[in-house]
Amino acid sequence: MKPQSAKAKGRKLQQYVRDEILAHFDELESDDVRSTSMGASGEDVQLSPKARSLLPWAIEAKARAKVAACRFYDQAAEHSEGRYQPVVVMRENYGKALAIVDFQYLLHLMRVYTQG
């Protein structure tokens, strides 16, 4: 894949994340969540102080052709038989345990959490 195509793919994912956050949190305005330019240092999706109070996240967006974690998630979804929310917990040796959930489900959880 050409570098220009790879950057466009990453930019599209960042914009999706931005748009979904704005769609799920009506109290945020368009300048509260910004997709950064490709090659810029720091977070891929920048949050204003107002947005960060709702979503205490540092967002990195990685668009790849294949990611093993996606296959693990598909396996969890298959095992859930459509009755439960799939969750993958994974850890590298001596690393932190990380949970992988559907992005829409994560936004739902944060919406419920912030509403108290």
PDB file of N, CA and C in Angstrom:
ATOM      1  N   MET A   1       0.849  -1.181   0.000  1.00  0.00           N
ATOM      2  CA  MET A   1       0.000   0.000   0.000  1.00  0.00           C
ATOM      3  C   MET A   1       0.893   1.242   0.000  1.00  0.00           C
ATOM      4  N   LYS A   2       0.523   2.218  -0.793  1.00  0.00           N
ATOM      5  CA  LYS A   2       1.275   3.462  -0.870  1.00  0.00           C
ATOM      6  C   LYS A   2       1.105   4.245   0.433  1.00  0.00           C
ATOM      7  N   PRO A   3       2.129   4.987   0.844  1.00  0.00           N
ATOM      8  CA  PRO A   3       2.019   5.785   2.072  1.00  0.00           C
ATOM      9  C   PRO A   3       0.815   6.737   2.059  1.00  0.00           C
ATOM     10  N   GLN A   4       0.532   7.312   0.889  1.00  0.00           N
ATOM     11  CA  GLN A   4      -0.599   8.234   0.782  1.00  0.00           C
ATOM     12  C   GLN A   4      -1.921   7.502   1.056  1.00  0.00           C
ATOM     13  N   SER A   5      -2.044   6.285   0.549  1.00  0.00           N
ATOM     14  CA  SER A   5      -3.255   5.488   0.768  1.00  0.00           C
ATOM     15  C   SER A   5      -3.379   5.093   2.231  1.00  0.00           C
ATOM     16  N   ALA A   6      -2.261   4.733   2.846  1.00  0.00           N
ATOM     17  CA  ALA A   6      -2.271   4.343   4.254  1.00  0.00           C
ATOM     18  C   ALA A   6      -2.691   5.522   5.135  1.00  0.00           C
ATOM     19  N   LYS A   7      -2.188   6.702   4.805  1.00  0.00           N
ATOM     20  CA  LYS A   7      -2.563   7.894   5.576  1.00  0.00           C
ATOM     21  C   LYS A   7      -4.044   8.219   5.405  1.00  0.00           C
ATOM     22  N   ALA A   8      -4.546   8.048   4.186  1.00  0.00           N
ATOM     23  CA  ALA A   8      -5.971   8.310   3.941  1.00  0.00           C
ATOM     24  C   ALA A   8      -6.842   7.334   4.729  1.00  0.00           C
ATOM     25  N   LYS A   9      -6.405   6.092   4.807  1.00  0.00           N
ATOM     26  CA  LYS A   9      -7.130   5.070   5.564  1.00  0.00           C
ATOM     27  C   LYS A   9      -7.148   5.430   7.055  1.00  0.00           C
ATOM     28  N   GLY A  10      -6.014   5.856   7.583  1.00  0.00           N
ATOM     29  CA  GLY A  10      -5.935   6.273   8.987  1.00  0.00           C
ATOM     30  C   GLY A  10      -6.769   7.513   9.257  1.00  0.00           C
ATOM     31  N   ARG A  11      -6.722   8.473   8.341  1.00  0.00           N
ATOM     32  CA  ARG A  11      -7.494   9.708   8.486  1.00  0.00           C
ATOM     33  C   ARG A  11      -8.988   9.403   8.515  1.00  0.00           C
ATOM     34  N   LYS A  12      -9.420   8.476   7.660  1.00  0.00           N
ATOM     35  CA  LYS A  12     -10.832   8.101   7.604  1.00  0.00           C
ATOM     36  C   LYS A  12     -11.285   7.485   8.936  1.00  0.00           C
ATOM     37  N   LEU A  13     -10.448   6.659   9.552  1.00  0.00           N
ATOM     38  CA  LEU A  13     -10.777   6.068  10.853  1.00  0.00           C
ATOM     39  C   LEU A  13     -10.850   7.149  11.930  1.00  0.00           C
ATOM     40  N   GLN A  14      -9.906   8.064  11.936  1.00  0.00           N
ATOM     41  CA  GLN A  14      -9.934   9.174  12.906  1.00  0.00           C
ATOM     42  C   GLN A  14     -11.223   9.980  12.768  1.00  0.00           C
ATOM     43  N   GLN A  15     -11.605  10.264  11.540  1.00  0.00           N
ATOM     44  CA  GLN A  15     -12.823  11.037  11.307  1.00  0.00           C
ATOM     45  C   GLN A  15     -14.065  10.259  11.743  1.00  0.00           C
ATOM     46  N   TYR A  16     -14.051   8.947  11.558  1.00  0.00           N
ATOM     47  CA  TYR A  16     -15.155   8.106  12.032  1.00  0.00           C
ATOM     48  C   TYR A  16     -15.263   8.193  13.551  1.00  0.00           C
ATOM     49  N   VAL A  17     -14.142   8.065  14.238  1.00  0.00           N
ATOM     50  CA  VAL A  17     -14.129   8.143  15.703  1.00  0.00           C
ATOM     51  C   VAL A  17     -14.666   9.506  16.150  1.00  0.00           C
ATOM     52  N   ARG A  18     -14.168  10.568  15.541  1.00  0.00           N
ATOM     53  CA  ARG A  18     -14.643  11.920  15.862  1.00  0.00           C
ATOM     54  C   ARG A  18     -16.151  12.031  15.665  1.00  0.00           C
ATOM     55  N   ASP A  19     -16.629  11.612  14.513  1.00  0.00           N
ATOM     56  CA  ASP A  19     -18.053  11.734  14.191  1.00  0.00           C
ATOM     57  C   ASP A  19     -18.925  10.920  15.141  1.00  0.00           C
ATOM     58  N   GLU A  20     -18.479   9.737  15.509  1.00  0.00           N
ATOM     59  CA  GLU A  20     -19.265   8.889  16.416  1.00  0.00           C
ATOM     60  C   GLU A  20     -19.310   9.473  17.827  1.00  0.00           C
ATOM     61  N   ILE A  21     -18.213  10.028  18.287  1.00  0.00           N
ATOM     62  CA  ILE A  21     -18.216  10.674  19.610  1.00  0.00           C
ATOM     63  C   ILE A  21     -19.198  11.838  19.596  1.00  0.00           C
ATOM     64  N   LEU A  22     -19.131  12.654  18.568  1.00  0.00           N
ATOM     65  CA  LEU A  22     -20.048  13.799  18.477  1.00  0.00           C
ATOM     66  C   LEU A  22     -21.501  13.352  18.370  1.00  0.00           C
ATOM     67  N   ALA A  23     -21.753  12.248  17.696  1.00  0.00           N
ATOM     68  CA  ALA A  23     -23.124  11.749  17.557  1.00  0.00           C
ATOM     69  C   ALA A  23     -23.669  11.203  18.883  1.00  0.00           C
ATOM     70  N   HIS A  24     -22.794  10.666  19.722  1.00  0.00           N
ATOM     71  CA  HIS A  24     -23.243  10.064  20.978  1.00  0.00           C
ATOM     72  C   HIS A  24     -23.336  11.055  22.138  1.00  0.00           C
ATOM     73  N   PHE A  25     -22.689  12.202  22.008  1.00  0.00           N
ATOM     74  CA  PHE A  25     -22.667  13.178  23.097  1.00  0.00           C
ATOM     75  C   PHE A  25     -23.155  14.518  22.572  1.00  0.00           C
ATOM     76  N   ASP A  26     -24.466  14.736  22.706  1.00  0.00           N
ATOM     77  CA  ASP A  26     -25.110  15.942  22.171  1.00  0.00           C
ATOM     78  C   ASP A  26     -24.553  17.229  22.776  1.00  0.00           C
ATOM     79  N   GLU A  27     -24.023  17.144  23.981  1.00  0.00           N
ATOM     80  CA  GLU A  27     -23.526  18.346  24.634  1.00  0.00           C
ATOM     81  C   GLU A  27     -22.187  18.826  24.060  1.00  0.00           C
ATOM     82  N   LEU A  28     -21.564  18.016  23.214  1.00  0.00           N
ATOM     83  CA  LEU A  28     -20.303  18.422  22.594  1.00  0.00           C
ATOM     84  C   LEU A  28     -20.557  19.111  21.258  1.00  0.00           C
ATOM     85  N   GLU A  29     -19.699  20.069  20.947  1.00  0.00           N
ATOM     86  CA  GLU A  29     -19.769  20.776  19.664  1.00  0.00           C
ATOM     87  C   GLU A  29     -18.622  20.304  18.783  1.00  0.00           C
ATOM     88  N   SER A  30     -18.698  20.620  17.519  1.00  0.00           N
ATOM     89  CA  SER A  30     -17.728  20.088  16.558  1.00  0.00           C
ATOM     90  C   SER A  30     -16.275  20.408  16.919  1.00  0.00           C
ATOM     91  N   ASP A  31     -16.020  21.552  17.552  1.00  0.00           N
ATOM     92  CA  ASP A  31     -14.629  21.868  17.901  1.00  0.00           C
ATOM     93  C   ASP A  31     -14.178  21.210  19.206  1.00  0.00           C
ATOM     94  N   ASP A  32     -15.056  20.440  19.858  1.00  0.00           N
ATOM     95  CA  ASP A  32     -14.668  19.716  21.074  1.00  0.00           C
ATOM     96  C   ASP A  32     -13.931  18.417  20.760  1.00  0.00           C
ATOM     97  N   VAL A  33     -14.091  17.908  19.545  1.00  0.00           N
ATOM     98  CA  VAL A  33     -13.445  16.658  19.136  1.00  0.00           C
ATOM     99  C   VAL A  33     -12.867  16.882  17.745  1.00  0.00           C
ATOM    100  N   ARG A  34     -11.532  16.753  17.634  1.00  0.00           N
ATOM    101  CA  ARG A  34     -10.879  17.043  16.349  1.00  0.00           C
ATOM    102  C   ARG A  34      -9.983  15.892  15.915  1.00  0.00           C
ATOM    103  N   SER A  35     -10.038  15.600  14.641  1.00  0.00           N
ATOM    104  CA  SER A  35      -9.131  14.641  14.030  1.00  0.00           C
ATOM    105  C   SER A  35      -7.856  15.402  13.680  1.00  0.00           C
ATOM    106  N   THR A  36      -6.707  14.899  14.090  1.00  0.00           N
ATOM    107  CA  THR A  36      -5.450  15.601  13.804  1.00  0.00           C
ATOM    108  C   THR A  36      -4.950  15.254  12.404  1.00  0.00           C
ATOM    109  N   SER A  37      -4.041  16.063  11.917  1.00  0.00           N
ATOM    110  CA  SER A  37      -3.469  15.798  10.598  1.00  0.00           C
ATOM    111  C   SER A  37      -2.497  14.626  10.703  1.00  0.00           C
ATOM    112  N   MET A  38      -2.360  13.913   9.604  1.00  0.00           N
ATOM    113  CA  MET A  38      -1.450  12.781   9.566  1.00  0.00           C
ATOM    114  C   MET A  38      -0.023  13.268   9.794  1.00  0.00           C
ATOM    115  N   GLY A  39       0.701  12.556  10.620  1.00  0.00           N
ATOM    116  CA  GLY A  39       2.084  12.917  10.912  1.00  0.00           C
ATOM    117  C   GLY A  39       2.245  13.858  12.086  1.00  0.00           C
ATOM    118  N   ALA A  40       1.126  14.398  12.594  1.00  0.00           N
ATOM    119  CA  ALA A  40       1.213  15.281  13.757  1.00  0.00           C
ATOM    120  C   ALA A  40       1.527  14.443  14.988  1.00  0.00           C
ATOM    121  N   SER A  41       2.308  15.000  15.893  1.00  0.00           N
ATOM    122  CA  SER A  41       2.627  14.261  17.113  1.00  0.00           C
ATOM    123  C   SER A  41       1.460  14.377  18.096  1.00  0.00           C
ATOM    124  N   GLY A  42       1.396  13.446  19.011  1.00  0.00           N
ATOM    125  CA  GLY A  42       0.336  13.466  20.012  1.00  0.00           C
ATOM    126  C   GLY A  42      -0.831  12.578  19.621  1.00  0.00           C
ATOM    127  N   GLU A  43      -1.934  12.784  20.300  1.00  0.00           N
ATOM    128  CA  GLU A  43      -3.120  11.959  20.109  1.00  0.00           C
ATOM    129  C   GLU A  43      -3.687  12.123  18.700  1.00  0.00           C
ATOM    130  N   ASP A  44      -4.279  11.049  18.190  1.00  0.00           N
ATOM    131  CA  ASP A  44      -4.867  11.086  16.847  1.00  0.00           C
ATOM    132  C   ASP A  44      -6.193  11.832  16.828  1.00  0.00           C
ATOM    133  N   VAL A  45      -6.940  11.734  17.905  1.00  0.00           N
ATOM    134  CA  VAL A  45      -8.207  12.446  18.034  1.00  0.00           C
ATOM    135  C   VAL A  45      -8.088  13.300  19.294  1.00  0.00           C
ATOM    136  N   GLN A  46      -8.104  14.604  19.105  1.00  0.00           N
ATOM    137  CA  GLN A  46      -7.913  15.520  20.236  1.00  0.00           C
ATOM    138  C   GLN A  46      -9.255  15.908  20.844  1.00  0.00           C
ATOM    139  N   LEU A  47      -9.280  15.918  22.180  1.00  0.00           N
ATOM    140  CA  LEU A  47     -10.490  16.266  22.914  1.00  0.00           C
ATOM    141  C   LEU A  47     -10.296  17.574  23.654  1.00  0.00           C
ATOM    142  N   SER A  48     -11.317  18.420  23.621  1.00  0.00           N
ATOM    143  CA  SER A  48     -11.290  19.660  24.398  1.00  0.00           C
ATOM    144  C   SER A  48     -11.432  19.297  25.874  1.00  0.00           C
ATOM    145  N   PRO A  49     -11.180  20.247  26.777  1.00  0.00           N
ATOM    146  CA  PRO A  49     -11.401  19.958  28.201  1.00  0.00           C
ATOM    147  C   PRO A  49     -12.830  19.478  28.480  1.00  0.00           C
ATOM    148  N   LYS A  50     -13.798  20.053  27.797  1.00  0.00           N
ATOM    149  CA  LYS A  50     -15.196  19.632  27.983  1.00  0.00           C
ATOM    150  C   LYS A  50     -15.371  18.175  27.549  1.00  0.00           C
ATOM    151  N   ALA A  51     -14.841  17.819  26.395  1.00  0.00           N
ATOM    152  CA  ALA A  51     -14.951  16.441  25.902  1.00  0.00           C
ATOM    153  C   ALA A  51     -14.183  15.484  26.807  1.00  0.00           C
ATOM    154  N   ARG A  52     -13.020  15.904  27.270  1.00  0.00           N
ATOM    155  CA  ARG A  52     -12.197  15.039  28.125  1.00  0.00           C
ATOM    156  C   ARG A  52     -12.874  14.791  29.468  1.00  0.00           C
ATOM    157  N   SER A  53     -13.704  15.728  29.919  1.00  0.00           N
ATOM    158  CA  SER A  53     -14.423  15.503  31.185  1.00  0.00           C
ATOM    159  C   SER A  53     -15.435  14.364  31.020  1.00  0.00           C
ATOM    160  N   LEU A  54     -15.944  14.154  29.810  1.00  0.00           N
ATOM    161  CA  LEU A  54     -16.864  13.053  29.538  1.00  0.00           C
ATOM    162  C   LEU A  54     -16.128  11.775  29.167  1.00  0.00           C
ATOM    163  N   LEU A  55     -15.033  11.936  28.458  1.00  0.00           N
ATOM    164  CA  LEU A  55     -14.266  10.804  27.938  1.00  0.00           C
ATOM    165  C   LEU A  55     -12.797  10.979  28.308  1.00  0.00           C
ATOM    166  N   PRO A  56     -12.382  10.468  29.435  1.00  0.00           N
ATOM    167  CA  PRO A  56     -10.979  10.639  29.846  1.00  0.00           C
ATOM    168  C   PRO A  56     -10.061   9.683  29.074  1.00  0.00           C
ATOM    169  N   TRP A  57      -9.992   9.897  27.775  1.00  0.00           N
ATOM    170  CA  TRP A  57      -9.274   8.989  26.878  1.00  0.00           C
ATOM    171  C   TRP A  57      -8.139   9.701  26.156  1.00  0.00           C
ATOM    172  N   ALA A  58      -7.120   8.929  25.814  1.00  0.00           N
ATOM    173  CA  ALA A  58      -6.094   9.346  24.861  1.00  0.00           C
ATOM    174  C   ALA A  58      -6.286   8.415  23.671  1.00  0.00           C
ATOM    175  N   ILE A  59      -6.746   8.934  22.549  1.00  0.00           N
ATOM    176  CA  ILE A  59      -7.181   8.101  21.430  1.00  0.00           C
ATOM    177  C   ILE A  59      -6.109   7.994  20.353  1.00  0.00           C
ATOM    178  N   GLU A  60      -5.743   6.769  20.050  1.00  0.00           N
ATOM    179  CA  GLU A  60      -4.890   6.437  18.915  1.00  0.00           C
ATOM    180  C   GLU A  60      -5.741   5.626  17.956  1.00  0.00           C
ATOM    181  N   ALA A  61      -5.773   5.970  16.703  1.00  0.00           N
ATOM    182  CA  ALA A  61      -6.556   5.252  15.700  1.00  0.00           C
ATOM    183  C   ALA A  61      -5.599   4.525  14.766  1.00  0.00           C
ATOM    184  N   LYS A  62      -5.727   3.224  14.685  1.00  0.00           N
ATOM    185  CA  LYS A  62      -4.852   2.409  13.842  1.00  0.00           C
ATOM    186  C   LYS A  62      -5.690   1.613  12.863  1.00  0.00           C
ATOM    187  N   ALA A  63      -5.577   1.889  11.593  1.00  0.00           N
ATOM    188  CA  ALA A  63      -6.296   1.158  10.553  1.00  0.00           C
ATOM    189  C   ALA A  63      -5.300   0.224   9.869  1.00  0.00           C
ATOM    190  N   ARG A  64      -5.529  -1.045   9.986  1.00  0.00           N
ATOM    191  CA  ARG A  64      -4.634  -2.048   9.416  1.00  0.00           C
ATOM    192  C   ARG A  64      -5.451  -3.060   8.623  1.00  0.00           C
ATOM    193  N   ALA A  65      -4.806  -3.706   7.674  1.00  0.00           N
ATOM    194  CA  ALA A  65      -5.481  -4.734   6.877  1.00  0.00           C
ATOM    195  C   ALA A  65      -5.882  -5.915   7.756  1.00  0.00           C
ATOM    196  N   LYS A  66      -4.988  -6.340   8.629  1.00  0.00           N
ATOM    197  CA  LYS A  66      -5.263  -7.468   9.518  1.00  0.00           C
ATOM    198  C   LYS A  66      -4.729  -7.166  10.902  1.00  0.00           C
ATOM    199  N   VAL A  67      -5.537  -7.476  11.900  1.00  0.00           N
ATOM    200  CA  VAL A  67      -5.138  -7.337  13.294  1.00  0.00           C
ATOM    201  C   VAL A  67      -5.631  -8.593  14.001  1.00  0.00           C
ATOM    202  N   ALA A  68      -4.731  -9.311  14.659  1.00  0.00           N
ATOM    203  CA  ALA A  68      -5.110 -10.567  15.313  1.00  0.00           C
ATOM    204  C   ALA A  68      -6.242 -10.353  16.309  1.00  0.00           C
ATOM    205  N   ALA A  69      -6.256  -9.218  16.984  1.00  0.00           N
ATOM    206  CA  ALA A  69      -7.285  -8.948  17.990  1.00  0.00           C
ATOM    207  C   ALA A  69      -8.681  -8.956  17.373  1.00  0.00           C
ATOM    208  N   CYS A  70      -8.787  -8.568  16.118  1.00  0.00           N
ATOM    209  CA  CYS A  70     -10.097  -8.584  15.448  1.00  0.00           C
ATOM    210  C   CYS A  70     -10.595 -10.010  15.281  1.00  0.00           C
ATOM    211  N   ARG A  71      -9.696 -10.922  14.979  1.00  0.00           N
ATOM    212  CA  ARG A  71     -10.095 -12.329  14.858  1.00  0.00           C
ATOM    213  C   ARG A  71     -10.476 -12.881  16.227  1.00  0.00           C
ATOM    214  N   PHE A  72      -9.787 -12.446  17.274  1.00  0.00           N
ATOM    215  CA  PHE A  72     -10.150 -12.871  18.634  1.00  0.00           C
ATOM    216  C   PHE A  72     -11.546 -12.364  18.978  1.00  0.00           C
ATOM    217  N   TYR A  73     -11.837 -11.126  18.591  1.00  0.00           N
ATOM    218  CA  TYR A  73     -13.153 -10.544  18.853  1.00  0.00           C
ATOM    219  C   TYR A  73     -14.232 -11.324  18.095  1.00  0.00           C
ATOM    220  N   ASP A  74     -13.962 -11.679  16.847  1.00  0.00           N
ATOM    221  CA  ASP A  74     -14.918 -12.466  16.061  1.00  0.00           C
ATOM    222  C   ASP A  74     -15.196 -13.809  16.743  1.00  0.00           C
ATOM    223  N   GLN A  75     -14.160 -14.403  17.311  1.00  0.00           N
ATOM    224  CA  GLN A  75     -14.324 -15.670  18.026  1.00  0.00           C
ATOM    225  C   GLN A  75     -15.204 -15.481  19.261  1.00  0.00           C
ATOM    226  N   ALA A  76     -14.976 -14.403  20.009  1.00  0.00           N
ATOM    227  CA  ALA A  76     -15.803 -14.113  21.185  1.00  0.00           C
ATOM    228  C   ALA A  76     -17.252 -13.876  20.780  1.00  0.00           C
ATOM    229  N   ALA A  77     -17.456 -13.185  19.667  1.00  0.00           N
ATOM    230  CA  ALA A  77     -18.816 -12.926  19.176  1.00  0.00           C
ATOM    231  C   ALA A  77     -19.503 -14.231  18.788  1.00  0.00           C
ATOM    232  N   GLU A  78     -18.748 -15.107  18.155  1.00  0.00           N
ATOM    233  CA  GLU A  78     -19.317 -16.406  17.771  1.00  0.00           C
ATOM    234  C   GLU A  78     -19.716 -17.199  19.020  1.00  0.00           C
ATOM    235  N   HIS A  79     -18.868 -17.188  20.018  1.00  0.00           N
ATOM    236  CA  HIS A  79     -19.158 -17.925  21.246  1.00  0.00           C
ATOM    237  C   HIS A  79     -20.322 -17.317  22.021  1.00  0.00           C
ATOM    238  N   SER A  80     -20.554 -16.028  21.864  1.00  0.00           N
ATOM    239  CA  SER A  80     -21.658 -15.374  22.580  1.00  0.00           C
ATOM    240  C   SER A  80     -23.009 -15.754  22.003  1.00  0.00           C
ATOM    241  N   GLU A  81     -23.003 -16.293  20.786  1.00  0.00           N
ATOM    242  CA  GLU A  81     -24.215 -16.711  20.099  1.00  0.00           C
ATOM    243  C   GLU A  81     -25.258 -15.598  20.028  1.00  0.00           C
ATOM    244  N   GLY A  82     -24.790 -14.340  19.990  1.00  0.00           N
ATOM    245  CA  GLY A  82     -25.686 -13.196  19.881  1.00  0.00           C
ATOM    246  C   GLY A  82     -26.427 -12.864  21.166  1.00  0.00           C
ATOM    247  N   ARG A  83     -26.115 -13.550  22.253  1.00  0.00           N
ATOM    248  CA  ARG A  83     -26.819 -13.312  23.517  1.00  0.00           C
ATOM    249  C   ARG A  83     -26.070 -12.374  24.455  1.00  0.00           C
ATOM    250  N   TYR A  84     -24.773 -12.246  24.261  1.00  0.00           N
ATOM    251  CA  TYR A  84     -23.945 -11.457  25.171  1.00  0.00           C
ATOM    252  C   TYR A  84     -23.044 -10.517  24.389  1.00  0.00           C
ATOM    253  N   GLN A  85     -22.526  -9.510  25.080  1.00  0.00           N
ATOM    254  CA  GLN A  85     -21.585  -8.583  24.459  1.00  0.00           C
ATOM    255  C   GLN A  85     -20.204  -9.233  24.419  1.00  0.00           C
ATOM    256  N   PRO A  86     -19.608  -9.388  23.247  1.00  0.00           N
ATOM    257  CA  PRO A  86     -18.264  -9.990  23.169  1.00  0.00           C
ATOM    258  C   PRO A  86     -17.209  -9.072  23.792  1.00  0.00           C
ATOM    259  N   VAL A  87     -16.302  -9.646  24.534  1.00  0.00           N
ATOM    260  CA  VAL A  87     -15.172  -8.934  25.130  1.00  0.00           C
ATOM    261  C   VAL A  87     -13.950  -9.830  24.990  1.00  0.00           C
ATOM    262  N   VAL A  88     -12.842  -9.247  24.559  1.00  0.00           N
ATOM    263  CA  VAL A  88     -11.575  -9.965  24.493  1.00  0.00           C
ATOM    264  C   VAL A  88     -10.652  -9.344  25.528  1.00  0.00           C
ATOM    265  N   VAL A  89     -10.062 -10.168  26.361  1.00  0.00           N
ATOM    266  CA  VAL A  89      -9.049  -9.702  27.301  1.00  0.00           C
ATOM    267  C   VAL A  89      -7.742 -10.345  26.865  1.00  0.00           C
ATOM    268  N   MET A  90      -6.733  -9.520  26.653  1.00  0.00           N
ATOM    269  CA  MET A  90      -5.450 -10.039  26.199  1.00  0.00           C
ATOM    270  C   MET A  90      -4.308  -9.317  26.900  1.00  0.00           C
ATOM    271  N   ARG A  91      -3.178 -10.004  26.967  1.00  0.00           N
ATOM    272  CA  ARG A  91      -2.021  -9.407  27.629  1.00  0.00           C
ATOM    273  C   ARG A  91      -0.751 -10.005  27.041  1.00  0.00           C
ATOM    274  N   GLU A  92       0.228  -9.149  26.803  1.00  0.00           N
ATOM    275  CA  GLU A  92       1.565  -9.619  26.445  1.00  0.00           C
ATOM    276  C   GLU A  92       2.281  -9.982  27.739  1.00  0.00           C
ATOM    277  N   ASN A  93       3.315 -10.779  27.634  1.00  0.00           N
ATOM    278  CA  ASN A  93       4.087 -11.130  28.829  1.00  0.00           C
ATOM    279  C   ASN A  93       4.500  -9.868  29.579  1.00  0.00           C
ATOM    280  N   TYR A  94       4.223  -9.846  30.852  1.00  0.00           N
ATOM    281  CA  TYR A  94       4.583  -8.745  31.759  1.00  0.00           C
ATOM    282  C   TYR A  94       3.879  -7.433  31.446  1.00  0.00           C
ATOM    283  N   GLY A  95       2.910  -7.468  30.564  1.00  0.00           N
ATOM    284  CA  GLY A  95       2.187  -6.249  30.199  1.00  0.00           C
ATOM    285  C   GLY A  95       0.859  -6.155  30.929  1.00  0.00           C
ATOM    286  N   LYS A  96       0.149  -5.086  30.647  1.00  0.00           N
ATOM    287  CA  LYS A  96      -1.182  -4.876  31.220  1.00  0.00           C
ATOM    288  C   LYS A  96      -2.198  -5.733  30.482  1.00  0.00           C
ATOM    289  N   ALA A  97      -3.208  -6.168  31.205  1.00  0.00           N
ATOM    290  CA  ALA A  97      -4.337  -6.837  30.557  1.00  0.00           C
ATOM    291  C   ALA A  97      -5.198  -5.761  29.907  1.00  0.00           C
ATOM    292  N   LEU A  98      -5.534  -5.946  28.647  1.00  0.00           N
ATOM    293  CA  LEU A  98      -6.333  -4.988  27.895  1.00  0.00           C
ATOM    294  C   LEU A  98      -7.637  -5.644  27.476  1.00  0.00           C
ATOM    295  N   ALA A  99      -8.708  -4.866  27.461  1.00  0.00           N
ATOM    296  CA  ALA A  99     -10.006  -5.370  27.027  1.00  0.00           C
ATOM    297  C   ALA A  99     -10.346  -4.761  25.674  1.00  0.00           C
ATOM    298  N   ILE A 100     -10.876  -5.567  24.801  1.00  0.00           N
ATOM    299  CA  ILE A 100     -11.302  -5.108  23.489  1.00  0.00           C
ATOM    300  C   ILE A 100     -12.808  -5.301  23.417  1.00  0.00           C
ATOM    301  N   VAL A 101     -13.515  -4.199  23.166  1.00  0.00           N
ATOM    302  CA  VAL A 101     -14.966  -4.233  23.002  1.00  0.00           C
ATOM    303  C   VAL A 101     -15.312  -3.451  21.741  1.00  0.00           C
ATOM    304  N   ASP A 102     -16.511  -3.651  21.256  1.00  0.00           N
ATOM    305  CA  ASP A 102     -17.002  -2.907  20.113  1.00  0.00           C
ATOM    306  C   ASP A 102     -17.025  -1.408  20.447  1.00  0.00           C
ATOM    307  N   PHE A 103     -16.571  -0.569  19.525  1.00  0.00           N
ATOM    308  CA  PHE A 103     -16.492   0.875  19.772  1.00  0.00           C
ATOM    309  C   PHE A 103     -17.865   1.469  20.098  1.00  0.00           C
ATOM    310  N   GLN A 104     -18.906   1.029  19.394  1.00  0.00           N
ATOM    311  CA  GLN A 104     -20.255   1.533  19.670  1.00  0.00           C
ATOM    312  C   GLN A 104     -20.684   1.161  21.088  1.00  0.00           C
ATOM    313  N   TYR A 105     -20.329  -0.032  21.526  1.00  0.00           N
ATOM    314  CA  TYR A 105     -20.658  -0.466  22.884  1.00  0.00           C
ATOM    315  C   TYR A 105     -19.888   0.378  23.906  1.00  0.00           C
ATOM    316  N   LEU A 106     -18.643   0.670  23.632  1.00  0.00           N
ATOM    317  CA  LEU A 106     -17.859   1.524  24.533  1.00  0.00           C
ATOM    318  C   LEU A 106     -18.487   2.908  24.656  1.00  0.00           C
ATOM    319  N   LEU A 107     -18.905   3.483  23.543  1.00  0.00           N
ATOM    320  CA  LEU A 107     -19.567   4.789  23.589  1.00  0.00           C
ATOM    321  C   LEU A 107     -20.859   4.711  24.408  1.00  0.00           C
ATOM    322  N   HIS A 108     -21.600   3.632  24.235  1.00  0.00           N
ATOM    323  CA  HIS A 108     -22.818   3.431  25.024  1.00  0.00           C
ATOM    324  C   HIS A 108     -22.482   3.379  26.520  1.00  0.00           C
ATOM    325  N   LEU A 109     -21.457   2.617  26.883  1.00  0.00           N
ATOM    326  CA  LEU A 109     -21.056   2.519  28.291  1.00  0.00           C
ATOM    327  C   LEU A 109     -20.668   3.886  28.852  1.00  0.00           C
ATOM    328  N   MET A 110     -19.927   4.655  28.080  1.00  0.00           N
ATOM    329  CA  MET A 110     -19.501   5.971  28.555  1.00  0.00           C
ATOM    330  C   MET A 110     -20.702   6.912  28.681  1.00  0.00           C
ATOM    331  N   ARG A 111     -21.648   6.809  27.767  1.00  0.00           N
ATOM    332  CA  ARG A 111     -22.869   7.642  27.845  1.00  0.00           C
ATOM    333  C   ARG A 111     -23.628   7.322  29.127  1.00  0.00           C
ATOM    334  N   VAL A 112     -23.805   6.032  29.421  1.00  0.00           N
ATOM    335  CA  VAL A 112     -24.497   5.609  30.643  1.00  0.00           C
ATOM    336  C   VAL A 112     -23.715   6.059  31.875  1.00  0.00           C
ATOM    337  N   TYR A 113     -22.404   5.910  31.832  1.00  0.00           N
ATOM    338  CA  TYR A 113     -21.543   6.279  32.964  1.00  0.00           C
ATOM    339  C   TYR A 113     -21.628   7.785  33.251  1.00  0.00           C
ATOM    340  N   THR A 114     -21.605   8.605  32.222  1.00  0.00           N
ATOM    341  CA  THR A 114     -21.606  10.047  32.433  1.00  0.00           C
ATOM    342  C   THR A 114     -22.980  10.571  32.852  1.00  0.00           C
ATOM    343  N   GLN A 115     -24.025   9.810  32.565  1.00  0.00           N
ATOM    344  CA  GLN A 115     -25.371  10.233  32.988  1.00  0.00           C
ATOM    345  C   GLN A 115     -25.644   9.863  34.436  1.00  0.00           C
ATOM    346  N   GLY A 116     -24.730   9.075  35.027  1.00  0.00           N
ATOM    347  CA  GLY A 116     -24.846   8.712  36.434  1.00  0.00           C
ATOM    348  C   GLY A 116     -25.821   7.646  36.624  1.00  0.00           C
TER     349      GLY A 116
END
